[in-house]
Amino acid sequence: NANDFEKSRAIGNMAIVYAEKGEFKKSEEWFLKDL
């Protein structure tokens, strides 16, 4: 639906999930993408 705001939120949330699972490299990629 080309919803940029919620896309940004979802990208940030995914980064947090990967961080909590200990997959730090993937998490950083998602955080930098969101930034």
Full PDB file with SEQRES, HELIX, SHEET, SSBOND, CRYST1, ORIGX, SCALE, CONECT and MASTER records, all heavy atoms in Angstrom:
SEQRES   1 A   35  ASN ALA ASN ASP PHE GLU LYS SER ARG ALA ILE GLY ASN          
SEQRES   2 A   35  MET ALA ILE VAL TYR ALA GLU LYS GLY GLU PHE LYS LYS          
SEQRES   3 A   35  SER GLU GLU TRP PHE LEU LYS ASP LEU                          
HELIX    1 AA1 ASP A    4  GLU A   20  1                                  17    
HELIX    2 AA2 PHE A   24  ASP A   34  1                                  11    
CRYST1    1.000    1.000    1.000  90.00  90.00  90.00 P 1           1          
ORIGX1      1.000000  0.000000  0.000000        0.00000                         
ORIGX2      0.000000  1.000000  0.000000        0.00000                         
ORIGX3      0.000000  0.000000  1.000000        0.00000                         
SCALE1      1.000000  0.000000  0.000000        0.00000                         
SCALE2      0.000000  1.000000  0.000000        0.00000                         
SCALE3      0.000000  0.000000  1.000000        0.00000                         
ATOM      1  N   ASN A   1       0.804  -1.223   0.000  1.00  0.00           N  
ATOM      2  CA  ASN A   1       0.000   0.000   0.000  1.00  0.00           C  
ATOM      3  C   ASN A   1       0.841   1.278   0.000  1.00  0.00           C  
ATOM      4  O   ASN A   1       0.315   2.365   0.248  1.00  0.00           O  
ATOM      5  CB  ASN A   1      -0.930  -0.005   1.222  1.00  0.00           C  
ATOM      6  CG  ASN A   1      -1.985  -1.089   1.146  1.00  0.00           C  
ATOM      7  OD1 ASN A   1      -2.976  -0.956   0.440  1.00  0.00           O  
ATOM      8  ND2 ASN A   1      -1.765  -2.185   1.855  1.00  0.00           N  
ATOM      9  N   ALA A   2       2.141   1.144  -0.296  1.00  0.00           N  
ATOM     10  CA  ALA A   2       3.062   2.292  -0.378  1.00  0.00           C  
ATOM     11  C   ALA A   2       2.972   3.186   0.858  1.00  0.00           C  
ATOM     12  O   ALA A   2       2.959   4.421   0.768  1.00  0.00           O  
ATOM     13  CB  ALA A   2       2.762   3.107  -1.633  1.00  0.00           C  
ATOM     14  N   ASN A   3       2.902   2.549   2.042  1.00  0.00           N  
ATOM     15  CA  ASN A   3       2.797   3.265   3.317  1.00  0.00           C  
ATOM     16  C   ASN A   3       4.203   3.393   3.912  1.00  0.00           C  
ATOM     17  O   ASN A   3       4.675   2.519   4.639  1.00  0.00           O  
ATOM     18  CB  ASN A   3       1.866   2.493   4.261  1.00  0.00           C  
ATOM     19  CG  ASN A   3       1.541   3.267   5.530  1.00  0.00           C  
ATOM     20  OD1 ASN A   3       2.301   4.148   5.937  1.00  0.00           O  
ATOM     21  ND2 ASN A   3       0.431   2.938   6.149  1.00  0.00           N  
ATOM     22  N   ASP A   4       4.889   4.493   3.586  1.00  0.00           N  
ATOM     23  CA  ASP A   4       6.286   4.660   3.984  1.00  0.00           C  
ATOM     24  C   ASP A   4       6.477   4.727   5.494  1.00  0.00           C  
ATOM     25  O   ASP A   4       7.452   4.204   6.044  1.00  0.00           O  
ATOM     26  CB  ASP A   4       6.863   5.933   3.347  1.00  0.00           C  
ATOM     27  CG  ASP A   4       7.149   5.749   1.867  1.00  0.00           C  
ATOM     28  OD1 ASP A   4       7.123   4.591   1.402  1.00  0.00           O  
ATOM     29  OD2 ASP A   4       7.381   6.753   1.182  1.00  0.00           O  
ATOM     30  N   PHE A   5       5.544   5.392   6.185  1.00  0.00           N  
ATOM     31  CA  PHE A   5       5.680   5.549   7.632  1.00  0.00           C  
ATOM     32  C   PHE A   5       5.666   4.191   8.324  1.00  0.00           C  
ATOM     33  O   PHE A   5       6.537   3.882   9.151  1.00  0.00           O  
ATOM     34  CB  PHE A   5       4.560   6.428   8.184  1.00  0.00           C  
ATOM     35  CG  PHE A   5       4.612   6.595   9.679  1.00  0.00           C  
ATOM     36  CD1 PHE A   5       5.523   7.468  10.263  1.00  0.00           C  
ATOM     37  CD2 PHE A   5       3.761   5.877  10.511  1.00  0.00           C  
ATOM     38  CE1 PHE A   5       5.587   7.616  11.642  1.00  0.00           C  
ATOM     39  CE2 PHE A   5       3.816   6.017  11.887  1.00  0.00           C  
ATOM     40  CZ  PHE A   5       4.727   6.893  12.449  1.00  0.00           C  
ATOM     41  N   GLU A   6       4.666   3.354   8.007  1.00  0.00           N  
ATOM     42  CA  GLU A   6       4.567   2.048   8.646  1.00  0.00           C  
ATOM     43  C   GLU A   6       5.640   1.087   8.141  1.00  0.00           C  
ATOM     44  O   GLU A   6       6.053   0.181   8.863  1.00  0.00           O  
ATOM     45  CB  GLU A   6       3.166   1.452   8.436  1.00  0.00           C  
ATOM     46  CG  GLU A   6       2.054   2.219   9.112  1.00  0.00           C  
ATOM     47  CD  GLU A   6       2.235   2.354  10.630  1.00  0.00           C  
ATOM     48  OE1 GLU A   6       2.952   1.521  11.228  1.00  0.00           O  
ATOM     49  OE2 GLU A   6       1.664   3.289  11.214  1.00  0.00           O  
ATOM     50  N   LYS A   7       6.098   1.302   6.916  1.00  0.00           N  
ATOM     51  CA  LYS A   7       7.221   0.499   6.415  1.00  0.00           C  
ATOM     52  C   LYS A   7       8.461   0.755   7.276  1.00  0.00           C  
ATOM     53  O   LYS A   7       9.177  -0.174   7.647  1.00  0.00           O  
ATOM     54  CB  LYS A   7       7.506   0.851   4.950  1.00  0.00           C  
ATOM     55  CG  LYS A   7       8.656   0.052   4.337  1.00  0.00           C  
ATOM     56  CD  LYS A   7       8.904   0.460   2.895  1.00  0.00           C  
ATOM     57  CE  LYS A   7      10.115  -0.273   2.322  1.00  0.00           C  
ATOM     58  NZ  LYS A   7      10.407   0.130   0.923  1.00  0.00           N  
ATOM     59  N   SER A   8       8.687   2.033   7.596  1.00  0.00           N  
ATOM     60  CA  SER A   8       9.821   2.396   8.440  1.00  0.00           C  
ATOM     61  C   SER A   8       9.697   1.761   9.821  1.00  0.00           C  
ATOM     62  O   SER A   8      10.656   1.210  10.365  1.00  0.00           O  
ATOM     63  CB  SER A   8       9.903   3.920   8.577  1.00  0.00           C  
ATOM     64  OG  SER A   8      10.882   4.296   9.518  1.00  0.00           O  
ATOM     65  N   ARG A   9       8.495   1.803  10.390  1.00  0.00           N  
ATOM     66  CA  ARG A   9       8.267   1.186  11.708  1.00  0.00           C  
ATOM     67  C   ARG A   9       8.532  -0.316  11.664  1.00  0.00           C  
ATOM     68  O   ARG A   9       9.162  -0.881  12.566  1.00  0.00           O  
ATOM     69  CB  ARG A   9       6.828   1.416  12.159  1.00  0.00           C  
ATOM     70  CG  ARG A   9       6.526   2.802  12.681  1.00  0.00           C  
ATOM     71  CD  ARG A   9       5.113   2.844  13.232  1.00  0.00           C  
ATOM     72  NE  ARG A   9       4.989   2.081  14.471  1.00  0.00           N  
ATOM     73  CZ  ARG A   9       3.843   1.604  14.941  1.00  0.00           C  
ATOM     74  NH1 ARG A   9       2.717   1.784  14.273  1.00  0.00           N  
ATOM     75  NH2 ARG A   9       3.809   0.926  16.074  1.00  0.00           N  
ATOM     76  N   ALA A  10       8.051  -0.957  10.603  1.00  0.00           N  
ATOM     77  CA  ALA A  10       8.219  -2.407  10.484  1.00  0.00           C  
ATOM     78  C   ALA A  10       9.692  -2.780  10.346  1.00  0.00           C  
ATOM     79  O   ALA A  10      10.153  -3.764  10.935  1.00  0.00           O  
ATOM     80  CB  ALA A  10       7.422  -2.937   9.289  1.00  0.00           C  
ATOM     81  N   ILE A  11      10.429  -1.979   9.588  1.00  0.00           N  
ATOM     82  CA  ILE A  11      11.865  -2.234   9.423  1.00  0.00           C  
ATOM     83  C   ILE A  11      12.566  -2.129  10.788  1.00  0.00           C  
ATOM     84  O   ILE A  11      13.390  -2.975  11.151  1.00  0.00           O  
ATOM     85  CB  ILE A  11      12.490  -1.239   8.421  1.00  0.00           C  
ATOM     86  CG1 ILE A  11      11.983  -1.525   6.998  1.00  0.00           C  
ATOM     87  CG2 ILE A  11      14.016  -1.306   8.453  1.00  0.00           C  
ATOM     88  CD1 ILE A  11      12.339  -0.452   5.987  1.00  0.00           C  
ATOM     89  N   GLY A  12      12.218  -1.095  11.562  1.00  0.00           N  
ATOM     90  CA  GLY A  12      12.794  -0.925  12.899  1.00  0.00           C  
ATOM     91  C   GLY A  12      12.422  -2.063  13.832  1.00  0.00           C  
ATOM     92  O   GLY A  12      13.252  -2.565  14.589  1.00  0.00           O  
ATOM     93  N   ASN A  13      11.159  -2.491  13.776  1.00  0.00           N  
ATOM     94  CA  ASN A  13      10.710  -3.598  14.620  1.00  0.00           C  
ATOM     95  C   ASN A  13      11.449  -4.891  14.275  1.00  0.00           C  
ATOM     96  O   ASN A  13      11.803  -5.678  15.160  1.00  0.00           O  
ATOM     97  CB  ASN A  13       9.198  -3.810  14.468  1.00  0.00           C  
ATOM     98  CG  ASN A  13       8.393  -2.693  15.103  1.00  0.00           C  
ATOM     99  OD1 ASN A  13       8.915  -1.927  15.909  1.00  0.00           O  
ATOM    100  ND2 ASN A  13       7.134  -2.585  14.737  1.00  0.00           N  
ATOM    101  N   MET A  14      11.658  -5.120  12.973  1.00  0.00           N  
ATOM    102  CA  MET A  14      12.359  -6.327  12.544  1.00  0.00           C  
ATOM    103  C   MET A  14      13.802  -6.317  13.058  1.00  0.00           C  
ATOM    104  O   MET A  14      14.345  -7.347  13.471  1.00  0.00           O  
ATOM    105  CB  MET A  14      12.337  -6.440  11.018  1.00  0.00           C  
ATOM    106  CG  MET A  14      12.839  -7.777  10.491  1.00  0.00           C  
ATOM    107  SD  MET A  14      11.779  -9.160  10.998  1.00  0.00           S  
ATOM    108  CE  MET A  14      10.446  -8.974   9.824  1.00  0.00           C  
ATOM    109  N   ALA A  15      14.419  -5.146  13.032  1.00  0.00           N  
ATOM    110  CA  ALA A  15      15.789  -5.024  13.542  1.00  0.00           C  
ATOM    111  C   ALA A  15      15.851  -5.389  15.026  1.00  0.00           C  
ATOM    112  O   ALA A  15      16.782  -6.063  15.479  1.00  0.00           O  
ATOM    113  CB  ALA A  15      16.296  -3.597  13.324  1.00  0.00           C  
ATOM    114  N   ILE A  16      14.855  -4.953  15.793  1.00  0.00           N  
ATOM    115  CA  ILE A  16      14.807  -5.247  17.220  1.00  0.00           C  
ATOM    116  C   ILE A  16      14.648  -6.747  17.457  1.00  0.00           C  
ATOM    117  O   ILE A  16      15.303  -7.340  18.322  1.00  0.00           O  
ATOM    118  CB  ILE A  16      13.655  -4.466  17.896  1.00  0.00           C  
ATOM    119  CG1 ILE A  16      13.980  -2.966  17.902  1.00  0.00           C  
ATOM    120  CG2 ILE A  16      13.420  -4.956  19.324  1.00  0.00           C  
ATOM    121  CD1 ILE A  16      12.818  -2.078  18.287  1.00  0.00           C  
ATOM    122  N   VAL A  17      13.781  -7.378  16.664  1.00  0.00           N  
ATOM    123  CA  VAL A  17      13.568  -8.825  16.797  1.00  0.00           C  
ATOM    124  C   VAL A  17      14.872  -9.582  16.556  1.00  0.00           C  
ATOM    125  O   VAL A  17      15.246 -10.479  17.321  1.00  0.00           O  
ATOM    126  CB  VAL A  17      12.472  -9.313  15.819  1.00  0.00           C  
ATOM    127  CG1 VAL A  17      12.441 -10.837  15.759  1.00  0.00           C  
ATOM    128  CG2 VAL A  17      11.104  -8.781  16.245  1.00  0.00           C  
ATOM    129  N   TYR A  18      15.592  -9.218  15.480  1.00  0.00           N  
ATOM    130  CA  TYR A  18      16.861  -9.890  15.185  1.00  0.00           C  
ATOM    131  C   TYR A  18      17.891  -9.655  16.296  1.00  0.00           C  
ATOM    132  O   TYR A  18      18.665 -10.550  16.641  1.00  0.00           O  
ATOM    133  CB  TYR A  18      17.422  -9.416  13.842  1.00  0.00           C  
ATOM    134  CG  TYR A  18      16.809 -10.117  12.650  1.00  0.00           C  
ATOM    135  CD1 TYR A  18      16.163  -9.402  11.654  1.00  0.00           C  
ATOM    136  CD2 TYR A  18      16.877 -11.506  12.532  1.00  0.00           C  
ATOM    137  CE1 TYR A  18      15.592 -10.045  10.557  1.00  0.00           C  
ATOM    138  CE2 TYR A  18      16.304 -12.159  11.447  1.00  0.00           C  
ATOM    139  CZ  TYR A  18      15.665 -11.428  10.463  1.00  0.00           C  
ATOM    140  OH  TYR A  18      15.103 -12.074   9.399  1.00  0.00           O  
ATOM    141  N   ALA A  19      17.874  -8.457  16.856  1.00  0.00           N  
ATOM    142  CA  ALA A  19      18.807  -8.161  17.951  1.00  0.00           C  
ATOM    143  C   ALA A  19      18.534  -9.045  19.156  1.00  0.00           C  
ATOM    144  O   ALA A  19      19.454  -9.604  19.763  1.00  0.00           O  
ATOM    145  CB  ALA A  19      18.710  -6.688  18.346  1.00  0.00           C  
ATOM    146  N   GLU A  20      17.274  -9.183  19.508  1.00  0.00           N  
ATOM    147  CA  GLU A  20      16.910  -9.990  20.670  1.00  0.00           C  
ATOM    148  C   GLU A  20      17.189 -11.469  20.440  1.00  0.00           C  
ATOM    149  O   GLU A  20      17.396 -12.229  21.380  1.00  0.00           O  
ATOM    150  CB  GLU A  20      15.430  -9.773  21.024  1.00  0.00           C  
ATOM    151  CG  GLU A  20      15.120  -8.398  21.563  1.00  0.00           C  
ATOM    152  CD  GLU A  20      15.806  -8.123  22.897  1.00  0.00           C  
ATOM    153  OE1 GLU A  20      16.159  -9.089  23.597  1.00  0.00           O  
ATOM    154  OE2 GLU A  20      15.997  -6.946  23.234  1.00  0.00           O  
ATOM    155  N   LYS A  21      17.175 -11.892  19.180  1.00  0.00           N  
ATOM    156  CA  LYS A  21      17.488 -13.285  18.860  1.00  0.00           C  
ATOM    157  C   LYS A  21      19.000 -13.516  18.760  1.00  0.00           C  
ATOM    158  O   LYS A  21      19.457 -14.622  18.479  1.00  0.00           O  
ATOM    159  CB  LYS A  21      16.810 -13.690  17.551  1.00  0.00           C  
ATOM    160  CG  LYS A  21      15.276 -13.775  17.667  1.00  0.00           C  
ATOM    161  CD  LYS A  21      14.626 -14.042  16.340  1.00  0.00           C  
ATOM    162  CE  LYS A  21      14.830 -15.463  15.898  1.00  0.00           C  
ATOM    163  NZ  LYS A  21      14.118 -15.770  14.641  1.00  0.00           N  
ATOM    164  N   GLY A  22      19.785 -12.443  18.946  1.00  0.00           N  
ATOM    165  CA  GLY A  22      21.238 -12.559  18.923  1.00  0.00           C  
ATOM    166  C   GLY A  22      21.851 -12.495  17.541  1.00  0.00           C  
ATOM    167  O   GLY A  22      23.050 -12.713  17.373  1.00  0.00           O  
ATOM    168  N   GLU A  23      21.046 -12.165  16.523  1.00  0.00           N  
ATOM    169  CA  GLU A  23      21.553 -12.060  15.148  1.00  0.00           C  
ATOM    170  C   GLU A  23      21.918 -10.595  14.890  1.00  0.00           C  
ATOM    171  O   GLU A  23      21.217  -9.861  14.191  1.00  0.00           O  
ATOM    172  CB  GLU A  23      20.499 -12.579  14.155  1.00  0.00           C  
ATOM    173  CG  GLU A  23      20.160 -14.055  14.389  1.00  0.00           C  
ATOM    174  CD  GLU A  23      19.107 -14.572  13.416  1.00  0.00           C  
ATOM    175  OE1 GLU A  23      19.123 -14.162  12.233  1.00  0.00           O  
ATOM    176  OE2 GLU A  23      18.270 -15.379  13.850  1.00  0.00           O  
ATOM    177  N   PHE A  24      23.064 -10.184  15.465  1.00  0.00           N  
ATOM    178  CA  PHE A  24      23.426  -8.769  15.518  1.00  0.00           C  
ATOM    179  C   PHE A  24      23.749  -8.169  14.145  1.00  0.00           C  
ATOM    180  O   PHE A  24      23.443  -7.004  13.888  1.00  0.00           O  
ATOM    181  CB  PHE A  24      24.607  -8.572  16.470  1.00  0.00           C  
ATOM    182  CG  PHE A  24      24.311  -8.985  17.882  1.00  0.00           C  
ATOM    183  CD1 PHE A  24      25.141  -9.870  18.557  1.00  0.00           C  
ATOM    184  CD2 PHE A  24      23.186  -8.504  18.536  1.00  0.00           C  
ATOM    185  CE1 PHE A  24      24.864 -10.257  19.855  1.00  0.00           C  
ATOM    186  CE2 PHE A  24      22.899  -8.882  19.836  1.00  0.00           C  
ATOM    187  CZ  PHE A  24      23.738  -9.765  20.486  1.00  0.00           C  
ATOM    188  N   LYS A  25      24.367  -8.945  13.288  1.00  0.00           N  
ATOM    189  CA  LYS A  25      24.724  -8.422  11.965  1.00  0.00           C  
ATOM    190  C   LYS A  25      23.466  -8.091  11.168  1.00  0.00           C  
ATOM    191  O   LYS A  25      23.350  -7.019  10.560  1.00  0.00           O  
ATOM    192  CB  LYS A  25      25.581  -9.440  11.213  1.00  0.00           C  
ATOM    193  CG  LYS A  25      26.180  -8.890   9.924  1.00  0.00           C  
ATOM    194  CD  LYS A  25      27.147  -9.878   9.283  1.00  0.00           C  
ATOM    195  CE  LYS A  25      27.718  -9.281   7.995  1.00  0.00           C  
ATOM    196  NZ  LYS A  25      28.634 -10.231   7.320  1.00  0.00           N  
ATOM    197  N   LYS A  26      22.506  -9.011  11.186  1.00  0.00           N  
ATOM    198  CA  LYS A  26      21.235  -8.768  10.491  1.00  0.00           C  
ATOM    199  C   LYS A  26      20.513  -7.575  11.108  1.00  0.00           C  
ATOM    200  O   LYS A  26      19.935  -6.747  10.404  1.00  0.00           O  
ATOM    201  CB  LYS A  26      20.337 -10.005  10.581  1.00  0.00           C  
ATOM    202  CG  LYS A  26      20.596 -11.052   9.524  1.00  0.00           C  
ATOM    203  CD  LYS A  26      19.517 -12.124   9.582  1.00  0.00           C  
ATOM    204  CE  LYS A  26      19.739 -13.171   8.499  1.00  0.00           C  
ATOM    205  NZ  LYS A  26      18.699 -14.231   8.559  1.00  0.00           N  
ATOM    206  N   SER A  27      20.551  -7.512  12.442  1.00  0.00           N  
ATOM    207  CA  SER A  27      19.884  -6.423  13.149  1.00  0.00           C  
ATOM    208  C   SER A  27      20.455  -5.070  12.731  1.00  0.00           C  
ATOM    209  O   SER A  27      19.714  -4.119  12.446  1.00  0.00           O  
ATOM    210  CB  SER A  27      20.033  -6.611  14.654  1.00  0.00           C  
ATOM    211  OG  SER A  27      19.469  -5.527  15.343  1.00  0.00           O  
ATOM    212  N   GLU A  28      21.778  -4.965  12.671  1.00  0.00           N  
ATOM    213  CA  GLU A  28      22.409  -3.696  12.298  1.00  0.00           C  
ATOM    214  C   GLU A  28      22.041  -3.296  10.868  1.00  0.00           C  
ATOM    215  O   GLU A  28      21.795  -2.119  10.593  1.00  0.00           O  
ATOM    216  CB  GLU A  28      23.930  -3.799  12.434  1.00  0.00           C  
ATOM    217  CG  GLU A  28      24.622  -2.458  12.223  1.00  0.00           C  
ATOM    218  CD  GLU A  28      26.093  -2.487  12.576  1.00  0.00           C  
ATOM    219  OE1 GLU A  28      26.696  -3.578  12.502  1.00  0.00           O  
ATOM    220  OE2 GLU A  28      26.640  -1.438  12.918  1.00  0.00           O  
ATOM    221  N   GLU A  29      21.978  -4.271   9.964  1.00  0.00           N  
ATOM    222  CA  GLU A  29      21.589  -3.991   8.579  1.00  0.00           C  
ATOM    223  C   GLU A  29      20.200  -3.369   8.525  1.00  0.00           C  
ATOM    224  O   GLU A  29      19.960  -2.393   7.806  1.00  0.00           O  
ATOM    225  CB  GLU A  29      21.619  -5.283   7.750  1.00  0.00           C  
ATOM    226  CG  GLU A  29      23.017  -5.795   7.449  1.00  0.00           C  
ATOM    227  CD  GLU A  29      23.005  -7.177   6.805  1.00  0.00           C  
ATOM    228  OE1 GLU A  29      21.896  -7.688   6.505  1.00  0.00           O  
ATOM    229  OE2 GLU A  29      24.090  -7.757   6.595  1.00  0.00           O  
ATOM    230  N   TRP A  30      19.271  -3.931   9.318  1.00  0.00           N  
ATOM    231  CA  TRP A  30      17.893  -3.411   9.328  1.00  0.00           C  
ATOM    232  C   TRP A  30      17.827  -2.033   9.970  1.00  0.00           C  
ATOM    233  O   TRP A  30      17.099  -1.144   9.500  1.00  0.00           O  
ATOM    234  CB  TRP A  30      16.972  -4.392  10.051  1.00  0.00           C  
ATOM    235  CG  TRP A  30      16.582  -5.573   9.204  1.00  0.00           C  
ATOM    236  CD1 TRP A  30      17.280  -6.731   9.048  1.00  0.00           C  
ATOM    237  CD2 TRP A  30      15.409  -5.700   8.388  1.00  0.00           C  
ATOM    238  NE1 TRP A  30      16.623  -7.578   8.194  1.00  0.00           N  
ATOM    239  CE2 TRP A  30      15.466  -6.972   7.770  1.00  0.00           C  
ATOM    240  CE3 TRP A  30      14.319  -4.883   8.120  1.00  0.00           C  
ATOM    241  CZ2 TRP A  30      14.477  -7.430   6.903  1.00  0.00           C  
ATOM    242  CZ3 TRP A  30      13.327  -5.343   7.264  1.00  0.00           C  
ATOM    243  CH2 TRP A  30      13.407  -6.596   6.660  1.00  0.00           C  
ATOM    244  N   PHE A  31      18.564  -1.827  11.070  1.00  0.00           N  
ATOM    245  CA  PHE A  31      18.573  -0.516  11.724  1.00  0.00           C  
ATOM    246  C   PHE A  31      19.136   0.567  10.798  1.00  0.00           C  
ATOM    247  O   PHE A  31      18.592   1.678  10.714  1.00  0.00           O  
ATOM    248  CB  PHE A  31      19.390  -0.559  13.012  1.00  0.00           C  
ATOM    249  CG  PHE A  31      18.637  -1.048  14.208  1.00  0.00           C  
ATOM    250  CD1 PHE A  31      19.199  -1.978  15.072  1.00  0.00           C  
ATOM    251  CD2 PHE A  31      17.357  -0.576  14.489  1.00  0.00           C  
ATOM    252  CE1 PHE A  31      18.512  -2.433  16.179  1.00  0.00           C  
ATOM    253  CE2 PHE A  31      16.652  -1.027  15.597  1.00  0.00           C  
ATOM    254  CZ  PHE A  31      17.235  -1.962  16.439  1.00  0.00           C  
ATOM    255  N   LEU A  32      20.239   0.271  10.118  1.00  0.00           N  
ATOM    256  CA  LEU A  32      20.853   1.256   9.213  1.00  0.00           C  
ATOM    257  C   LEU A  32      19.942   1.544   8.024  1.00  0.00           C  
ATOM    258  O   LEU A  32      19.869   2.681   7.544  1.00  0.00           O  
ATOM    259  CB  LEU A  32      22.217   0.752   8.732  1.00  0.00           C  
ATOM    260  CG  LEU A  32      23.318   0.729   9.818  1.00  0.00           C  
ATOM    261  CD1 LEU A  32      24.564   0.020   9.310  1.00  0.00           C  
ATOM    262  CD2 LEU A  32      23.657   2.140  10.279  1.00  0.00           C  
ATOM    263  N   LYS A  33      19.242   0.509   7.569  1.00  0.00           N  
ATOM    264  CA  LYS A  33      18.269   0.678   6.487  1.00  0.00           C  
ATOM    265  C   LYS A  33      17.145   1.622   6.932  1.00  0.00           C  
ATOM    266  O   LYS A  33      16.735   2.522   6.202  1.00  0.00           O  
ATOM    267  CB  LYS A  33      17.693  -0.694   6.122  1.00  0.00           C  
ATOM    268  CG  LYS A  33      16.702  -0.707   4.969  1.00  0.00           C  
ATOM    269  CD  LYS A  33      16.243  -2.147   4.719  1.00  0.00           C  
ATOM    270  CE  LYS A  33      15.204  -2.190   3.606  1.00  0.00           C  
ATOM    271  NZ  LYS A  33      14.712  -3.571   3.368  1.00  0.00           N  
ATOM    272  N   ASP A  34      16.685   1.427   8.170  1.00  0.00           N  
ATOM    273  CA  ASP A  34      15.622   2.270   8.724  1.00  0.00           C  
ATOM    274  C   ASP A  34      16.116   3.699   8.943  1.00  0.00           C  
ATOM    275  O   ASP A  34      15.407   4.671   8.679  1.00  0.00           O  
ATOM    276  CB  ASP A  34      15.139   1.669  10.046  1.00  0.00           C  
ATOM    277  CG  ASP A  34      13.838   2.299  10.528  1.00  0.00           C  
ATOM    278  OD1 ASP A  34      13.103   2.846   9.689  1.00  0.00           O  
ATOM    279  OD2 ASP A  34      13.559   2.227  11.739  1.00  0.00           O  
ATOM    280  N   LEU A  35      17.369   3.852   9.426  1.00  0.00           N  
ATOM    281  CA  LEU A  35      17.939   5.177   9.658  1.00  0.00           C  
ATOM    282  C   LEU A  35      18.038   5.960   8.353  1.00  0.00           C  
ATOM    283  O   LEU A  35      17.675   7.148   8.297  1.00  0.00           O  
ATOM    284  CB  LEU A  35      19.329   5.039  10.301  1.00  0.00           C  
ATOM    285  CG  LEU A  35      20.055   6.345  10.631  1.00  0.00           C  
ATOM    286  CD1 LEU A  35      19.277   7.177  11.631  1.00  0.00           C  
ATOM    287  CD2 LEU A  35      21.461   6.052  11.169  1.00  0.00           C  
TER     288      LEU A  35                                                      
MASTER        0    0    0    2    0    0    0    6  287    1    0    3          
END                                                                             
